[in-house]
Amino acid sequence: MALSISSLTSSLSSLSFSSQISRNPSSISIAQPPKNLHISLSSKPTRSLSISATVAAPVETEPVENLKKFVKSRLPGGFAAQTIIGTGRRKCAIARVVLQEGTGKFIINYRDAKEYLQGNPLWLQYIKVPLVTLGYETSYDVFVKAHGGGLSGQAQAISLGIARALLKVSADHRSPLKKGGLLTRDSRVVERKKVGLKKARKAPQFSKR
């Protein structure tokens, strides 16, 4: 009987100990740091990025009606009545060009050349090469009627027309223009599609069966 009581008391003591642990499961003892401990947190300065954007003002283009009046005032009797005139061709494009003494204006189909050629630097370079070759980029105004083909073909046709018109100004211009290849008509065109082929030469994939 004494053995059973002692075993019972030991079990109760162990039970009370476990209940004390379960009451405070998260109690942790930490030693206090010394009073003379200084903690300094250095924060890096934040860099601010400022972005400024400026919107370019739209290019003011002269109305077509004003340019039509300007061309008609400069070309009395139309294109056919002028003396310094040249015709250029490239692919399917045809350009009739008239030169008059001026300040270097380019008007194509009653529109400014930069607007008509969509500001493409390569096409704008095509039409200026003959004048730049002879040093006349600010000596003549150029009036053009162009039709057919695309803008690239029209720009190259205008270049040939300007070169041919400059020959009527002076016969001495032939040598520098010919040396630059500006008097040669580029006869390359797209090759026609063939029957049974997808394009001019591209054939459909071969199938044995």
N, C-alpha and C. Protein backbone atom coordinates (compact mmCIF):
# COMPACT_ATOMS: atom_id res chain seq x y z
N MET A 1 0.84 -1.21 0.00
CA MET A 1 0.00 0.00 0.00
C MET A 1 0.87 1.25 0.00
N ALA A 2 1.95 1.24 0.78
CA ALA A 2 2.89 2.37 0.83
C ALA A 2 3.54 2.58 -0.52
N LEU A 3 3.80 1.48 -1.26
CA LEU A 3 4.43 1.58 -2.58
C LEU A 3 3.51 2.26 -3.57
N SER A 4 2.23 1.95 -3.49
CA SER A 4 1.28 2.54 -4.43
C SER A 4 1.09 4.02 -4.17
N ILE A 5 1.11 4.46 -2.90
CA ILE A 5 0.94 5.89 -2.58
C ILE A 5 2.13 6.69 -3.06
N SER A 6 3.34 6.11 -2.85
CA SER A 6 4.56 6.83 -3.29
C SER A 6 4.58 6.97 -4.81
N SER A 7 4.18 5.93 -5.51
CA SER A 7 4.15 6.01 -7.00
C SER A 7 3.10 7.01 -7.46
N LEU A 8 1.99 7.12 -6.71
CA LEU A 8 0.94 8.06 -7.08
C LEU A 8 1.40 9.49 -6.89
N THR A 9 2.10 9.76 -5.77
CA THR A 9 2.58 11.12 -5.50
C THR A 9 3.62 11.54 -6.54
N SER A 10 4.48 10.58 -6.95
CA SER A 10 5.49 10.92 -7.96
C SER A 10 4.85 11.25 -9.31
N SER A 11 3.79 10.53 -9.63
CA SER A 11 3.10 10.80 -10.90
C SER A 11 2.39 12.15 -10.87
N LEU A 12 1.84 12.51 -9.71
CA LEU A 12 1.19 13.80 -9.58
C LEU A 12 2.18 14.95 -9.70
N SER A 13 3.36 14.77 -9.10
CA SER A 13 4.38 15.83 -9.16
C SER A 13 4.84 16.05 -10.61
N SER A 14 4.99 14.93 -11.31
CA SER A 14 5.39 15.07 -12.72
C SER A 14 4.28 15.72 -13.55
N LEU A 15 3.03 15.44 -13.20
CA LEU A 15 1.91 16.03 -13.90
C LEU A 15 1.84 17.53 -13.68
N SER A 16 2.06 17.97 -12.45
CA SER A 16 2.04 19.41 -12.14
C SER A 16 3.18 20.12 -12.85
N PHE A 17 4.32 19.47 -13.01
CA PHE A 17 5.47 20.08 -13.70
C PHE A 17 5.18 20.29 -15.19
N SER A 18 4.52 19.27 -15.77
CA SER A 18 4.20 19.40 -17.18
C SER A 18 3.14 20.47 -17.41
N SER A 19 2.23 20.66 -16.44
CA SER A 19 1.22 21.69 -16.60
C SER A 19 1.84 23.08 -16.52
N GLN A 20 2.89 23.23 -15.70
CA GLN A 20 3.57 24.51 -15.60
C GLN A 20 4.28 24.83 -16.93
N ILE A 21 4.81 23.85 -17.56
CA ILE A 21 5.50 24.08 -18.84
C ILE A 21 4.50 24.49 -19.91
N SER A 22 3.33 23.82 -19.89
CA SER A 22 2.33 24.11 -20.92
C SER A 22 1.70 25.48 -20.73
N ARG A 23 1.73 26.03 -19.47
CA ARG A 23 1.13 27.34 -19.26
C ARG A 23 1.93 28.44 -19.96
N ASN A 24 3.23 28.37 -19.89
CA ASN A 24 4.08 29.39 -20.51
C ASN A 24 4.99 28.73 -21.54
N PRO A 25 4.46 28.37 -22.71
CA PRO A 25 5.29 27.67 -23.70
C PRO A 25 6.27 28.59 -24.41
N SER A 26 5.98 29.89 -24.39
CA SER A 26 6.84 30.79 -25.18
C SER A 26 7.64 31.74 -24.32
N SER A 27 7.88 31.41 -23.09
CA SER A 27 8.66 32.29 -22.21
C SER A 27 10.13 31.98 -22.39
N ILE A 28 10.90 33.05 -22.80
CA ILE A 28 12.35 32.89 -23.03
C ILE A 28 13.05 33.95 -22.21
N SER A 29 14.08 33.55 -21.53
CA SER A 29 14.85 34.48 -20.69
C SER A 29 16.07 34.93 -21.48
N ILE A 30 16.24 36.28 -21.64
CA ILE A 30 17.37 36.85 -22.37
C ILE A 30 18.11 37.78 -21.44
N ALA A 31 19.39 37.61 -21.45
CA ALA A 31 20.22 38.47 -20.61
C ALA A 31 20.20 39.88 -21.15
N GLN A 32 20.05 40.88 -20.26
CA GLN A 32 20.00 42.27 -20.70
C GLN A 32 21.38 42.71 -21.17
N PRO A 33 21.42 43.49 -22.28
CA PRO A 33 22.73 43.96 -22.77
C PRO A 33 23.29 45.01 -21.84
N PRO A 34 24.58 45.20 -21.88
CA PRO A 34 25.19 46.24 -21.02
C PRO A 34 24.69 47.62 -21.39
N LYS A 35 24.68 48.52 -20.43
CA LYS A 35 24.13 49.86 -20.63
C LYS A 35 24.98 50.70 -21.57
N ASN A 36 26.28 50.40 -21.66
CA ASN A 36 27.15 51.23 -22.50
C ASN A 36 27.21 50.73 -23.95
N LEU A 37 26.26 49.90 -24.39
CA LEU A 37 26.23 49.38 -25.76
C LEU A 37 25.41 50.34 -26.62
N HIS A 38 26.04 50.86 -27.68
CA HIS A 38 25.38 51.80 -28.60
C HIS A 38 25.24 51.12 -29.95
N ILE A 39 24.03 51.12 -30.48
CA ILE A 39 23.75 50.54 -31.79
C ILE A 39 23.40 51.67 -32.74
N SER A 40 24.16 51.78 -33.82
CA SER A 40 23.91 52.85 -34.80
C SER A 40 23.52 52.21 -36.13
N LEU A 41 22.38 52.58 -36.65
CA LEU A 41 21.91 52.08 -37.94
C LEU A 41 22.08 53.18 -38.97
N SER A 42 22.95 52.92 -39.93
CA SER A 42 23.21 53.93 -40.98
C SER A 42 22.36 53.60 -42.20
N SER A 43 21.49 54.49 -42.58
CA SER A 43 20.64 54.28 -43.76
C SER A 43 21.21 55.07 -44.93
N LYS A 44 21.36 54.41 -46.06
CA LYS A 44 21.91 55.07 -47.24
C LYS A 44 20.90 56.08 -47.77
N PRO A 45 21.38 57.24 -48.23
CA PRO A 45 20.43 58.23 -48.77
C PRO A 45 19.79 57.73 -50.06
N THR A 46 18.52 57.95 -50.19
CA THR A 46 17.80 57.50 -51.38
C THR A 46 18.01 58.49 -52.51
N ARG A 47 18.27 57.95 -53.67
CA ARG A 47 18.48 58.79 -54.84
C ARG A 47 17.16 58.97 -55.59
N SER A 48 16.85 60.20 -55.90
CA SER A 48 15.61 60.49 -56.61
C SER A 48 15.92 60.70 -58.09
N LEU A 49 15.15 60.05 -58.93
CA LEU A 49 15.32 60.12 -60.39
C LEU A 49 14.19 60.96 -60.97
N SER A 50 14.57 62.04 -61.62
CA SER A 50 13.57 62.92 -62.22
C SER A 50 13.64 62.80 -63.73
N ILE A 51 12.50 62.59 -64.35
CA ILE A 51 12.41 62.43 -65.80
C ILE A 51 11.54 63.55 -66.35
N SER A 52 12.10 64.25 -67.31
CA SER A 52 11.35 65.33 -67.95
C SER A 52 11.20 65.02 -69.42
N ALA A 53 9.99 65.11 -69.91
CA ALA A 53 9.71 64.81 -71.32
C ALA A 53 9.10 66.03 -71.97
N THR A 54 9.58 66.31 -73.18
CA THR A 54 9.06 67.43 -73.94
C THR A 54 8.41 66.90 -75.21
N VAL A 55 7.25 67.37 -75.49
CA VAL A 55 6.51 66.95 -76.68
C VAL A 55 6.82 67.93 -77.80
N ALA A 56 7.33 67.38 -78.91
CA ALA A 56 7.67 68.23 -80.04
C ALA A 56 6.41 68.77 -80.70
N ALA A 57 6.47 70.01 -81.06
CA ALA A 57 5.31 70.62 -81.71
C ALA A 57 5.16 70.07 -83.12
N PRO A 58 3.96 69.83 -83.57
CA PRO A 58 3.76 69.29 -84.92
C PRO A 58 4.25 70.27 -85.98
N VAL A 59 4.80 69.70 -87.04
CA VAL A 59 5.33 70.53 -88.12
C VAL A 59 4.17 71.16 -88.88
N GLU A 60 4.23 72.46 -88.98
CA GLU A 60 3.17 73.16 -89.68
C GLU A 60 3.41 73.06 -91.18
N THR A 61 2.47 72.46 -91.88
CA THR A 61 2.58 72.31 -93.33
C THR A 61 1.68 73.33 -94.01
N GLU A 62 2.18 73.86 -95.10
CA GLU A 62 1.41 74.86 -95.84
C GLU A 62 0.22 74.20 -96.52
N PRO A 63 -0.94 74.81 -96.50
CA PRO A 63 -2.11 74.20 -97.14
C PRO A 63 -1.88 73.95 -98.62
N VAL A 64 -2.54 72.92 -99.15
CA VAL A 64 -2.36 72.54 -100.54
C VAL A 64 -2.84 73.64 -101.47
N GLU A 65 -3.93 74.31 -101.09
CA GLU A 65 -4.47 75.36 -101.95
C GLU A 65 -3.46 76.49 -102.13
N ASN A 66 -2.76 76.86 -101.04
CA ASN A 66 -1.75 77.92 -101.15
C ASN A 66 -0.60 77.49 -102.04
N LEU A 67 -0.19 76.21 -101.91
CA LEU A 67 0.90 75.72 -102.75
C LEU A 67 0.48 75.66 -104.22
N LYS A 68 -0.77 75.32 -104.49
CA LYS A 68 -1.26 75.31 -105.88
C LYS A 68 -1.19 76.70 -106.49
N LYS A 69 -1.61 77.70 -105.71
CA LYS A 69 -1.54 79.07 -106.21
C LYS A 69 -0.09 79.49 -106.43
N PHE A 70 0.79 79.05 -105.52
CA PHE A 70 2.21 79.41 -105.65
C PHE A 70 2.81 78.78 -106.90
N VAL A 71 2.49 77.50 -107.16
CA VAL A 71 3.04 76.81 -108.34
C VAL A 71 2.50 77.45 -109.62
N LYS A 72 1.21 77.77 -109.65
CA LYS A 72 0.64 78.35 -110.85
C LYS A 72 1.20 79.75 -111.12
N SER A 73 1.51 80.47 -110.04
CA SER A 73 2.11 81.79 -110.23
C SER A 73 3.55 81.69 -110.73
N ARG A 74 4.24 80.64 -110.31
CA ARG A 74 5.63 80.46 -110.74
C ARG A 74 5.74 79.80 -112.11
N LEU A 75 4.72 79.03 -112.50
CA LEU A 75 4.76 78.30 -113.77
C LEU A 75 3.58 78.72 -114.64
N PRO A 76 3.61 79.90 -115.22
CA PRO A 76 2.51 80.31 -116.09
C PRO A 76 2.47 79.46 -117.35
N GLY A 77 1.30 78.95 -117.66
CA GLY A 77 1.14 78.09 -118.81
C GLY A 77 1.33 76.62 -118.50
N GLY A 78 1.63 76.29 -117.23
CA GLY A 78 1.77 74.89 -116.83
C GLY A 78 3.16 74.34 -117.06
N PHE A 79 3.31 73.04 -116.80
CA PHE A 79 4.62 72.39 -116.91
C PHE A 79 5.12 72.37 -118.36
N ALA A 80 4.21 72.15 -119.31
CA ALA A 80 4.63 71.97 -120.70
C ALA A 80 5.19 73.26 -121.30
N ALA A 81 4.84 74.41 -120.74
CA ALA A 81 5.29 75.68 -121.30
C ALA A 81 6.66 76.10 -120.78
N GLN A 82 7.25 75.33 -119.90
CA GLN A 82 8.52 75.71 -119.31
C GLN A 82 9.68 75.26 -120.20
N THR A 83 10.84 75.88 -119.98
CA THR A 83 12.01 75.57 -120.81
C THR A 83 12.96 74.58 -120.14
N ILE A 84 13.16 74.73 -118.84
CA ILE A 84 14.08 73.83 -118.13
C ILE A 84 13.24 72.70 -117.53
N ILE A 85 13.05 71.66 -118.30
CA ILE A 85 12.17 70.56 -117.90
C ILE A 85 12.85 69.24 -118.22
N GLY A 86 12.59 68.23 -117.39
CA GLY A 86 13.15 66.90 -117.61
C GLY A 86 12.19 65.84 -117.12
N THR A 87 12.21 64.70 -117.76
CA THR A 87 11.33 63.58 -117.39
C THR A 87 12.19 62.42 -116.92
N GLY A 88 11.84 61.88 -115.76
CA GLY A 88 12.57 60.74 -115.21
C GLY A 88 11.63 59.57 -114.99
N ARG A 89 12.16 58.37 -115.12
CA ARG A 89 11.36 57.15 -114.92
C ARG A 89 12.14 56.17 -114.08
N ARG A 90 11.39 55.39 -113.29
CA ARG A 90 11.99 54.31 -112.48
C ARG A 90 10.89 53.35 -112.13
N LYS A 91 11.07 52.06 -112.47
CA LYS A 91 10.03 51.04 -112.27
C LYS A 91 8.76 51.50 -112.98
N CYS A 92 7.67 51.71 -112.24
CA CYS A 92 6.42 52.17 -112.85
C CYS A 92 6.18 53.66 -112.61
N ALA A 93 7.15 54.35 -112.02
CA ALA A 93 6.97 55.75 -111.67
C ALA A 93 7.47 56.66 -112.79
N ILE A 94 6.75 57.75 -113.01
CA ILE A 94 7.12 58.77 -114.00
C ILE A 94 7.05 60.13 -113.31
N ALA A 95 8.09 60.94 -113.49
CA ALA A 95 8.16 62.25 -112.85
C ALA A 95 8.55 63.30 -113.89
N ARG A 96 7.77 64.35 -113.95
CA ARG A 96 8.08 65.50 -114.80
C ARG A 96 8.59 66.61 -113.89
N VAL A 97 9.78 67.11 -114.19
CA VAL A 97 10.48 68.04 -113.30
C VAL A 97 10.72 69.35 -114.03
N VAL A 98 10.44 70.45 -113.34
CA VAL A 98 10.72 71.79 -113.85
C VAL A 98 11.63 72.50 -112.87
N LEU A 99 12.69 73.12 -113.38
CA LEU A 99 13.63 73.89 -112.56
C LEU A 99 13.45 75.37 -112.84
N GLN A 100 13.45 76.14 -111.76
CA GLN A 100 13.45 77.59 -111.86
C GLN A 100 14.40 78.15 -110.82
N GLU A 101 15.00 79.28 -111.15
CA GLU A 101 15.91 79.91 -110.20
C GLU A 101 15.15 80.29 -108.94
N GLY A 102 15.73 79.92 -107.79
CA GLY A 102 15.05 80.18 -106.53
C GLY A 102 15.98 79.94 -105.35
N THR A 103 15.39 79.40 -104.29
CA THR A 103 16.13 79.24 -103.03
C THR A 103 16.28 77.78 -102.60
N GLY A 104 15.87 76.83 -103.45
CA GLY A 104 16.02 75.42 -103.11
C GLY A 104 14.75 74.75 -102.63
N LYS A 105 13.58 75.27 -103.01
CA LYS A 105 12.31 74.65 -102.62
C LYS A 105 12.05 73.41 -103.47
N PHE A 106 11.45 72.41 -102.84
CA PHE A 106 11.03 71.19 -103.54
C PHE A 106 9.53 71.02 -103.33
N ILE A 107 8.78 71.05 -104.41
CA ILE A 107 7.33 70.86 -104.34
C ILE A 107 6.96 69.71 -105.26
N ILE A 108 6.37 68.66 -104.66
CA ILE A 108 5.97 67.47 -105.41
C ILE A 108 4.46 67.32 -105.31
N ASN A 109 3.79 67.34 -106.46
CA ASN A 109 2.33 67.21 -106.50
C ASN A 109 1.64 68.19 -105.56
N TYR A 110 2.09 69.44 -105.61
CA TYR A 110 1.55 70.54 -104.82
C TYR A 110 1.68 70.30 -103.31
N ARG A 111 2.69 69.58 -102.92
CA ARG A 111 2.98 69.36 -101.50
C ARG A 111 4.48 69.50 -101.28
N ASP A 112 4.84 69.86 -100.06
CA ASP A 112 6.25 69.97 -99.73
C ASP A 112 6.92 68.60 -99.83
N ALA A 113 8.16 68.58 -100.31
CA ALA A 113 8.83 67.30 -100.55
C ALA A 113 8.98 66.49 -99.28
N LYS A 114 9.29 67.15 -98.16
CA LYS A 114 9.47 66.42 -96.90
C LYS A 114 8.17 65.77 -96.45
N GLU A 115 7.07 66.47 -96.67
CA GLU A 115 5.76 65.90 -96.30
C GLU A 115 5.38 64.78 -97.27
N TYR A 116 5.60 65.01 -98.56
CA TYR A 116 5.19 64.03 -99.57
C TYR A 116 5.98 62.73 -99.43
N LEU A 117 7.28 62.83 -99.17
CA LEU A 117 8.13 61.64 -99.03
C LEU A 117 8.19 61.13 -97.60
N GLN A 118 7.28 61.62 -96.75
CA GLN A 118 7.10 61.12 -95.38
C GLN A 118 8.37 61.28 -94.54
N GLY A 119 9.20 62.26 -94.86
CA GLY A 119 10.39 62.52 -94.07
C GLY A 119 11.45 61.45 -94.16
N ASN A 120 11.35 60.56 -95.15
CA ASN A 120 12.35 59.49 -95.29
C ASN A 120 13.68 60.09 -95.74
N PRO A 121 14.74 59.93 -94.95
CA PRO A 121 16.02 60.57 -95.31
C PRO A 121 16.63 60.03 -96.60
N LEU A 122 16.42 58.75 -96.88
CA LEU A 122 17.00 58.17 -98.10
C LEU A 122 16.32 58.74 -99.34
N TRP A 123 14.99 58.81 -99.32
CA TRP A 123 14.27 59.35 -100.48
C TRP A 123 14.56 60.83 -100.67
N LEU A 124 14.68 61.57 -99.57
CA LEU A 124 15.02 62.99 -99.67
C LEU A 124 16.43 63.17 -100.22
N GLN A 125 17.32 62.23 -99.89
CA GLN A 125 18.67 62.31 -100.42
C GLN A 125 18.69 62.05 -101.93
N TYR A 126 17.84 61.12 -102.39
CA TYR A 126 17.77 60.82 -103.83
C TYR A 126 17.49 62.08 -104.64
N ILE A 127 16.52 62.87 -104.21
CA ILE A 127 16.10 64.01 -105.03
C ILE A 127 17.09 65.17 -104.94
N LYS A 128 17.98 65.18 -103.96
CA LYS A 128 18.92 66.28 -103.80
C LYS A 128 20.29 65.99 -104.41
N VAL A 129 20.56 64.74 -104.75
CA VAL A 129 21.91 64.38 -105.22
C VAL A 129 22.33 65.14 -106.47
N PRO A 130 21.49 65.25 -107.53
CA PRO A 130 21.97 65.98 -108.72
C PRO A 130 22.33 67.43 -108.45
N LEU A 131 21.51 68.12 -107.65
CA LEU A 131 21.80 69.52 -107.34
C LEU A 131 23.03 69.66 -106.47
N VAL A 132 23.19 68.76 -105.49
CA VAL A 132 24.36 68.82 -104.61
C VAL A 132 25.64 68.53 -105.40
N THR A 133 25.56 67.64 -106.38
CA THR A 133 26.74 67.31 -107.19
C THR A 133 27.28 68.53 -107.91
N LEU A 134 26.38 69.40 -108.36
CA LEU A 134 26.81 70.61 -109.09
C LEU A 134 26.87 71.85 -108.20
N GLY A 135 26.50 71.69 -106.92
CA GLY A 135 26.54 72.83 -106.01
C GLY A 135 25.39 73.80 -106.18
N TYR A 136 24.24 73.30 -106.66
CA TYR A 136 23.08 74.15 -106.91
C TYR A 136 21.96 73.91 -105.90
N GLU A 137 22.26 73.37 -104.71
CA GLU A 137 21.19 72.99 -103.79
C GLU A 137 20.35 74.17 -103.33
N THR A 138 20.89 75.40 -103.37
CA THR A 138 20.11 76.59 -102.96
C THR A 138 19.94 77.57 -104.12
N SER A 139 20.13 77.10 -105.35
CA SER A 139 20.05 78.00 -106.52
C SER A 139 18.79 77.80 -107.35
N TYR A 140 18.13 76.65 -107.19
CA TYR A 140 16.97 76.35 -108.03
C TYR A 140 15.82 75.86 -107.16
N ASP A 141 14.61 76.24 -107.57
CA ASP A 141 13.39 75.65 -107.02
C ASP A 141 12.95 74.53 -107.96
N VAL A 142 12.47 73.42 -107.36
CA VAL A 142 12.12 72.22 -108.13
C VAL A 142 10.63 71.99 -108.00
N PHE A 143 9.96 71.87 -109.13
CA PHE A 143 8.52 71.59 -109.18
C PHE A 143 8.33 70.26 -109.90
N VAL A 144 7.58 69.36 -109.27
CA VAL A 144 7.48 67.98 -109.78
C VAL A 144 6.02 67.58 -109.86
N LYS A 145 5.71 66.86 -110.96
CA LYS A 145 4.46 66.11 -111.06
C LYS A 145 4.85 64.64 -111.20
N ALA A 146 4.47 63.82 -110.21
CA ALA A 146 4.86 62.41 -110.21
C ALA A 146 3.62 61.54 -110.09
N HIS A 147 3.65 60.41 -110.78
CA HIS A 147 2.55 59.44 -110.65
C HIS A 147 3.09 58.05 -110.96
N GLY A 148 2.36 57.05 -110.50
CA GLY A 148 2.74 55.66 -110.73
C GLY A 148 3.78 55.18 -109.73
N GLY A 149 3.75 53.86 -109.48
CA GLY A 149 4.74 53.26 -108.58
C GLY A 149 4.58 53.71 -107.14
N GLY A 150 5.64 53.51 -106.37
CA GLY A 150 5.65 53.90 -104.96
C GLY A 150 6.53 55.12 -104.76
N LEU A 151 6.67 55.51 -103.50
CA LEU A 151 7.45 56.70 -103.19
C LEU A 151 8.93 56.50 -103.48
N SER A 152 9.44 55.29 -103.28
CA SER A 152 10.85 55.03 -103.57
C SER A 152 11.13 55.18 -105.06
N GLY A 153 10.27 54.59 -105.90
CA GLY A 153 10.44 54.70 -107.33
C GLY A 153 10.26 56.14 -107.81
N GLN A 154 9.31 56.85 -107.22
CA GLN A 154 9.11 58.25 -107.60
C GLN A 154 10.30 59.11 -107.24
N ALA A 155 10.90 58.86 -106.08
CA ALA A 155 12.06 59.65 -105.66
C ALA A 155 13.23 59.45 -106.64
N GLN A 156 13.45 58.21 -107.07
CA GLN A 156 14.54 57.96 -108.02
C GLN A 156 14.20 58.51 -109.41
N ALA A 157 12.93 58.50 -109.78
CA ALA A 157 12.52 59.11 -111.05
C ALA A 157 12.73 60.62 -111.01
N ILE A 158 12.44 61.24 -109.88
CA ILE A 158 12.67 62.69 -109.73
C ILE A 158 14.15 63.01 -109.87
N SER A 159 15.00 62.16 -109.28
CA SER A 159 16.45 62.37 -109.39
C SER A 159 16.90 62.38 -110.84
N LEU A 160 16.42 61.42 -111.63
CA LEU A 160 16.78 61.37 -113.05
C LEU A 160 16.21 62.57 -113.80
N GLY A 161 14.99 62.99 -113.47
CA GLY A 161 14.39 64.14 -114.12
C GLY A 161 15.16 65.43 -113.85
N ILE A 162 15.62 65.59 -112.59
CA ILE A 162 16.40 66.78 -112.25
C ILE A 162 17.72 66.79 -113.02
N ALA A 163 18.37 65.62 -113.09
CA ALA A 163 19.65 65.53 -113.82
C ALA A 163 19.46 65.86 -115.29
N ARG A 164 18.37 65.39 -115.90
CA ARG A 164 18.13 65.69 -117.31
C ARG A 164 17.78 67.16 -117.52
N ALA A 165 17.07 67.75 -116.55
CA ALA A 165 16.75 69.17 -116.66
C ALA A 165 18.00 70.03 -116.53
N LEU A 166 18.95 69.60 -115.71
CA LEU A 166 20.18 70.37 -115.54
C LEU A 166 21.03 70.37 -116.81
N LEU A 167 20.85 69.39 -117.67
CA LEU A 167 21.56 69.38 -118.95
C LEU A 167 21.10 70.52 -119.84
N LYS A 168 19.84 70.96 -119.69
CA LYS A 168 19.33 72.07 -120.48
C LYS A 168 19.83 73.42 -119.96
N VAL A 169 20.29 73.42 -118.71
CA VAL A 169 20.87 74.65 -118.17
C VAL A 169 22.23 74.89 -118.82
N SER A 170 23.04 73.85 -118.87
CA SER A 170 24.36 73.96 -119.49
C SER A 170 24.82 72.57 -119.90
N ALA A 171 25.46 72.50 -121.06
CA ALA A 171 25.98 71.21 -121.54
C ALA A 171 27.21 70.77 -120.75
N ASP A 172 27.82 71.70 -120.02
CA ASP A 172 29.00 71.35 -119.23
C ASP A 172 28.64 70.49 -118.01
N HIS A 173 27.38 70.39 -117.70
CA HIS A 173 26.96 69.60 -116.55
C HIS A 173 26.97 68.10 -116.83
N ARG A 174 27.09 67.73 -118.09
CA ARG A 174 27.00 66.32 -118.44
C ARG A 174 28.12 65.50 -117.80
N SER A 175 29.34 66.01 -117.83
CA SER A 175 30.48 65.24 -117.34
C SER A 175 30.36 64.89 -115.86
N PRO A 176 30.13 65.85 -114.94
CA PRO A 176 30.00 65.47 -113.52
C PRO A 176 28.78 64.62 -113.24
N LEU A 177 27.66 64.89 -113.95
CA LEU A 177 26.46 64.09 -113.71
C LEU A 177 26.64 62.65 -114.20
N LYS A 178 27.28 62.51 -115.35
CA LYS A 178 27.51 61.16 -115.87
C LYS A 178 28.51 60.41 -115.01
N LYS A 179 29.49 61.12 -114.48
CA LYS A 179 30.48 60.48 -113.60
C LYS A 179 29.81 59.94 -112.33
N GLY A 180 28.80 60.63 -111.85
CA GLY A 180 28.07 60.16 -110.67
C GLY A 180 27.00 59.15 -110.98
N GLY A 181 26.82 58.79 -112.26
CA GLY A 181 25.81 57.81 -112.63
C GLY A 181 24.39 58.33 -112.53
N LEU A 182 24.23 59.65 -112.62
CA LEU A 182 22.90 60.25 -112.44
C LEU A 182 22.12 60.38 -113.74
N LEU A 183 22.75 60.11 -114.86
CA LEU A 183 22.06 60.19 -116.15
C LEU A 183 21.66 58.82 -116.68
N THR A 184 21.94 57.78 -115.94
CA THR A 184 21.63 56.41 -116.38
C THR A 184 20.24 56.03 -115.87
N ARG A 185 19.40 55.60 -116.81
CA ARG A 185 18.06 55.15 -116.43
C ARG A 185 18.15 53.73 -115.90
N ASP A 186 17.74 53.53 -114.65
CA ASP A 186 17.78 52.21 -114.03
C ASP A 186 16.60 51.39 -114.56
N SER A 187 16.91 50.40 -115.38
CA SER A 187 15.86 49.65 -116.07
C SER A 187 15.41 48.41 -115.31
N ARG A 188 15.88 48.22 -114.09
CA ARG A 188 15.50 47.02 -113.34
C ARG A 188 14.03 47.11 -112.91
N VAL A 189 13.29 46.05 -113.16
CA VAL A 189 11.89 45.97 -112.76
C VAL A 189 11.65 44.60 -112.13
N VAL A 190 10.52 44.44 -111.49
CA VAL A 190 10.19 43.17 -110.86
C VAL A 190 9.91 42.13 -111.95
N GLU A 191 10.52 40.96 -111.81
CA GLU A 191 10.32 39.90 -112.79
C GLU A 191 8.91 39.32 -112.64
N ARG A 192 8.30 39.01 -113.77
CA ARG A 192 6.91 38.55 -113.76
C ARG A 192 6.80 37.16 -113.15
N LYS A 193 5.62 36.88 -112.59
CA LYS A 193 5.32 35.57 -112.02
C LYS A 193 5.14 34.55 -113.14
N LYS A 194 5.61 33.33 -112.90
CA LYS A 194 5.50 32.25 -113.90
C LYS A 194 4.37 31.29 -113.51
N VAL A 195 3.80 30.66 -114.52
CA VAL A 195 2.73 29.69 -114.30
C VAL A 195 3.31 28.46 -113.60
N GLY A 196 2.63 28.00 -112.55
CA GLY A 196 3.08 26.84 -111.80
C GLY A 196 4.05 27.16 -110.68
N LEU A 197 4.52 28.40 -110.61
CA LEU A 197 5.42 28.83 -109.54
C LEU A 197 4.69 29.81 -108.63
N LYS A 198 5.21 29.93 -107.41
CA LYS A 198 4.58 30.84 -106.45
C LYS A 198 4.91 32.29 -106.78
N LYS A 199 6.15 32.52 -107.21
CA LYS A 199 6.58 33.87 -107.59
C LYS A 199 7.32 33.76 -108.92
N ALA A 200 8.26 34.67 -109.14
CA ALA A 200 8.99 34.65 -110.41
C ALA A 200 9.82 33.37 -110.55
N ARG A 201 10.42 32.93 -109.43
CA ARG A 201 11.28 31.75 -109.49
C ARG A 201 11.03 30.77 -108.34
N LYS A 202 10.30 31.20 -107.33
CA LYS A 202 10.07 30.33 -106.18
C LYS A 202 9.06 29.24 -106.56
N ALA A 203 9.48 27.99 -106.38
CA ALA A 203 8.62 26.85 -106.73
C ALA A 203 7.99 26.27 -105.48
N PRO A 204 6.83 25.62 -105.62
CA PRO A 204 6.22 24.96 -104.44
C PRO A 204 7.08 23.79 -103.98
N GLN A 205 6.88 23.37 -102.74
CA GLN A 205 7.67 22.28 -102.19
C GLN A 205 7.43 20.98 -102.96
N PHE A 206 8.50 20.28 -103.25
CA PHE A 206 8.40 19.03 -104.01
C PHE A 206 7.83 17.90 -103.14
N SER A 207 6.89 17.18 -103.69
CA SER A 207 6.32 16.03 -103.00
C SER A 207 6.41 14.83 -103.93
N LYS A 208 7.08 13.77 -103.47
CA LYS A 208 7.30 12.61 -104.33
C LYS A 208 6.00 11.85 -104.58
N ARG A 209 5.13 11.81 -103.57
CA ARG A 209 3.86 11.08 -103.74
C ARG A 209 2.69 11.97 -103.33
